[in-house]
């Protein structure tokens, strides 16, 4: 039995490149040609790794969720003040403004807008991704309580959900052209609710 040619590309890098395309364009608007151009792969190499565009998209969405959760947890662990961690996280909604790119928003929010709840498998991936982010926010809020930055009676689970909604709104408003100054003011109002 003969073996196929060994892979000559980095599957992790290929997945990252595909994720960036899906994040920018969405699932439906991303063509096979877009993916081939972004990854530099041939059609056969791409399909040897992922049997369909849909399978690649699902892997890219899982990658996005895992990256965001990991980055958020690392930032939390590196900070001395959970409240400042939360401020910095909310300010991330404005970061793309400085890079010169059109705002992409949050890939999870973009996917939710594109698919809604019409696709059970994608909905489950979205819920899993959101739950992962919520857990890190709960940890931050629990630390804030332990450090005296948040009232001991505060419901950290409700507040984590609130902050996720605020972040989603910030990213959507930024994509719609809201000014950075207006969104910074909203962030301060949101942080004011954390007492």
Protein backbone atom coordinates (compact mmCIF):
# COMPACT_ATOMS: atom_id res chain seq x y z
CA UNK A 1 0.00 0.00 0.00
CA UNK A 2 1.44 3.37 -0.96
CA UNK A 3 1.09 6.44 1.15
CA UNK A 4 0.06 9.83 -0.14
CA UNK A 5 2.51 12.66 -0.34
CA UNK A 6 3.27 14.19 3.05
CA UNK A 7 1.76 17.56 3.83
CA UNK A 8 4.01 20.45 2.92
CA UNK A 9 2.02 23.08 4.81
CA UNK A 10 1.28 23.90 8.42
CA UNK A 11 -2.34 22.92 9.15
CA UNK A 12 -2.54 25.37 12.08
CA UNK A 13 -1.38 28.26 9.89
CA UNK A 14 -3.80 27.22 7.16
CA UNK A 15 -6.67 27.17 9.66
CA UNK A 16 -5.67 30.61 10.96
CA UNK A 17 -5.65 32.02 7.42
CA UNK A 18 -9.05 30.50 6.67
CA UNK A 19 -10.41 31.83 9.96
CA UNK A 20 -9.35 35.35 9.02
CA UNK A 21 -11.22 35.09 5.69
CA UNK A 22 -14.41 33.75 7.27
CA UNK A 23 -14.18 36.42 9.99
CA UNK A 24 -13.90 39.21 7.42
CA UNK A 25 -16.35 37.95 4.81
CA UNK A 26 -18.73 35.53 6.55
CA UNK A 27 -19.53 31.98 5.53
CA UNK A 28 -21.78 32.53 2.52
CA UNK A 29 -19.68 35.32 0.99
CA UNK A 30 -16.45 33.30 1.28
CA UNK A 31 -15.76 31.35 -1.89
CA UNK A 32 -13.47 28.41 -2.39
CA UNK A 33 -11.23 30.75 -4.42
CA UNK A 34 -11.02 33.13 -1.44
CA UNK A 35 -9.88 30.27 0.77
CA UNK A 36 -7.35 29.00 -1.75
CA UNK A 37 -5.94 32.50 -2.22
CA UNK A 38 -5.66 33.09 1.54
CA UNK A 39 -4.08 29.74 2.34
CA UNK A 40 -1.96 29.35 -0.79
CA UNK A 41 -3.14 25.74 -1.08
CA UNK A 42 -4.44 23.80 -4.02
CA UNK A 43 -8.02 22.58 -3.99
CA UNK A 44 -6.85 18.98 -3.44
CA UNK A 45 -4.62 19.95 -0.49
CA UNK A 46 -7.44 21.89 1.12
CA UNK A 47 -9.92 19.06 0.70
CA UNK A 48 -7.43 16.48 1.97
CA UNK A 49 -7.44 18.35 5.26
CA UNK A 50 -11.10 19.44 5.38
CA UNK A 51 -13.67 17.58 3.27
CA UNK A 52 -15.84 20.65 2.71
CA UNK A 53 -16.04 24.40 3.10
CA UNK A 54 -18.49 23.79 5.93
CA UNK A 55 -16.04 21.54 7.81
CA UNK A 56 -13.31 24.16 7.44
CA UNK A 57 -15.69 26.88 8.64
CA UNK A 58 -16.64 24.89 11.74
CA UNK A 59 -12.96 24.28 12.53
CA UNK A 60 -12.22 27.98 12.02
CA UNK A 61 -15.06 28.98 14.37
CA UNK A 62 -13.81 26.55 17.03
CA UNK A 63 -10.30 27.99 16.58
CA UNK A 64 -11.60 31.55 16.99
CA UNK A 65 -13.46 30.65 20.18
CA UNK A 66 -10.50 28.81 21.68
CA UNK A 67 -8.12 31.66 20.84
CA UNK A 68 -10.36 34.34 22.32
CA UNK A 69 -10.96 32.35 25.51
CA UNK A 70 -7.23 31.63 25.91
CA UNK A 71 -6.23 35.26 25.25
CA UNK A 72 -8.86 36.55 27.66
CA UNK A 73 -7.75 34.18 30.42
CA UNK A 74 -4.08 35.10 29.88
CA UNK A 75 -4.93 38.80 30.16
CA UNK A 76 -6.90 38.18 33.34
CA UNK A 77 -4.04 36.23 34.89
CA UNK A 78 -1.57 38.98 34.00
CA UNK A 79 -3.56 41.84 35.52
CA UNK A 80 -3.48 43.16 39.06
CA UNK A 81 -6.97 44.70 38.85
CA UNK A 82 -9.94 42.71 37.57
CA UNK A 83 -11.83 45.96 37.01
CA UNK A 84 -9.04 47.30 34.78
CA UNK A 85 -8.98 43.95 32.98
CA UNK A 86 -12.69 44.39 32.19
CA UNK A 87 -12.12 47.98 31.01
CA UNK A 88 -9.27 46.88 28.74
CA UNK A 89 -11.38 44.02 27.38
CA UNK A 90 -14.27 46.33 26.51
CA UNK A 91 -11.85 48.78 24.89
CA UNK A 92 -10.76 45.95 22.56
CA UNK A 93 -13.92 46.75 20.59
CA UNK A 94 -12.10 49.87 19.38
CA UNK A 95 -8.75 48.26 18.51
CA UNK A 96 -9.47 47.73 14.82
CA UNK A 97 -9.92 51.47 14.46
CA UNK A 98 -6.18 51.89 15.01
CA UNK A 99 -5.14 49.16 12.58
CA UNK A 100 -6.65 50.91 9.57
CA UNK A 101 -8.89 47.97 8.68
CA UNK A 102 -12.66 48.18 8.41
CA UNK A 103 -14.07 46.92 11.72
CA UNK A 104 -14.82 43.19 11.53
CA UNK A 105 -16.67 42.95 14.79
CA UNK A 106 -16.72 39.72 16.74
CA UNK A 107 -16.69 36.55 14.66
CA UNK A 108 -19.19 34.96 17.06
CA UNK A 109 -21.60 37.88 16.68
CA UNK A 110 -21.11 37.87 12.92
CA UNK A 111 -21.88 34.15 12.74
CA UNK A 112 -24.93 34.62 14.98
CA UNK A 113 -26.22 37.30 12.61
CA UNK A 114 -25.56 35.17 9.54
CA UNK A 115 -26.95 31.87 10.83
CA UNK A 116 -29.28 32.89 13.67
CA UNK A 117 -30.59 29.67 15.22
CA UNK A 118 -31.42 28.09 11.85
CA UNK A 119 -28.48 25.69 11.98
CA UNK A 120 -28.35 23.56 15.13
CA UNK A 121 -24.68 22.58 14.76
CA UNK A 122 -23.50 26.15 14.28
CA UNK A 123 -25.77 27.31 17.12
CA UNK A 124 -24.14 24.74 19.41
CA UNK A 125 -20.65 25.95 18.42
CA UNK A 126 -21.70 29.54 19.14
CA UNK A 127 -23.15 28.63 22.54
CA UNK A 128 -19.96 26.78 23.44
CA UNK A 129 -17.83 29.75 22.40
CA UNK A 130 -19.95 32.23 24.33
CA UNK A 131 -20.01 29.98 27.39
CA UNK A 132 -16.20 29.86 27.34
CA UNK A 133 -15.95 33.65 27.30
CA UNK A 134 -18.65 33.97 29.97
CA UNK A 135 -16.67 31.65 32.27
CA UNK A 136 -13.58 33.87 32.05
CA UNK A 137 -15.70 36.94 32.80
CA UNK A 138 -17.24 35.18 35.81
CA UNK A 139 -13.71 34.45 37.06
CA UNK A 140 -12.80 38.12 36.64
CA UNK A 141 -15.90 39.26 38.50
CA UNK A 142 -15.26 36.76 41.31
CA UNK A 143 -11.73 38.14 41.61
CA UNK A 144 -13.18 41.65 41.67
CA UNK A 145 -15.39 40.58 44.57
CA UNK A 146 -12.44 39.04 46.42
CA UNK A 147 -10.40 42.23 45.86
CA UNK A 148 -13.20 44.54 47.02
CA UNK A 149 -13.75 46.01 43.51
CA UNK A 150 -17.26 44.55 43.31
CA UNK A 151 -19.92 44.08 45.97
CA UNK A 152 -20.00 40.60 47.48
CA UNK A 153 -23.76 40.41 46.82
CA UNK A 154 -23.40 41.07 43.07
CA UNK A 155 -24.59 38.24 40.82
CA UNK A 156 -21.44 37.54 38.80
CA UNK A 157 -23.25 35.30 36.32
CA UNK A 158 -25.79 37.98 35.43
CA UNK A 159 -23.05 40.60 35.22
CA UNK A 160 -20.95 38.38 32.94
CA UNK A 161 -23.94 38.03 30.61
CA UNK A 162 -24.47 41.78 30.74
CA UNK A 163 -20.83 42.43 29.79
CA UNK A 164 -21.07 40.02 26.87
CA UNK A 165 -24.12 41.93 25.63
CA UNK A 166 -22.28 45.24 26.05
CA UNK A 167 -19.28 43.93 24.09
CA UNK A 168 -21.52 42.63 21.31
CA UNK A 169 -23.25 46.00 21.12
CA UNK A 170 -19.95 47.88 21.11
CA UNK A 171 -18.61 45.82 18.21
CA UNK A 172 -21.86 46.17 16.26
CA UNK A 173 -21.98 49.92 16.83
CA UNK A 174 -18.33 50.25 15.81
CA UNK A 175 -19.02 48.35 12.58
CA UNK A 176 -21.96 50.71 11.99
CA UNK A 177 -19.66 53.73 12.31
CA UNK A 178 -20.18 54.90 15.91
CA UNK A 179 -17.36 57.15 17.08
CA UNK A 180 -14.68 55.88 19.42
CA UNK A 181 -15.49 58.70 21.84
CA UNK A 182 -19.15 57.73 22.05
CA UNK A 183 -18.25 54.10 22.64
CA UNK A 184 -15.70 54.97 25.33
CA UNK A 185 -18.49 56.84 27.15
CA UNK A 186 -20.70 53.73 26.91
CA UNK A 187 -17.88 51.61 28.35
CA UNK A 188 -17.61 53.91 31.36
CA UNK A 189 -21.39 53.68 31.91
CA UNK A 190 -21.19 49.88 31.72
CA UNK A 191 -18.31 49.79 34.22
CA UNK A 192 -20.32 52.04 36.48
CA UNK A 193 -22.83 49.20 36.84
CA UNK A 194 -20.12 47.06 38.41
CA UNK A 195 -20.31 48.21 42.01
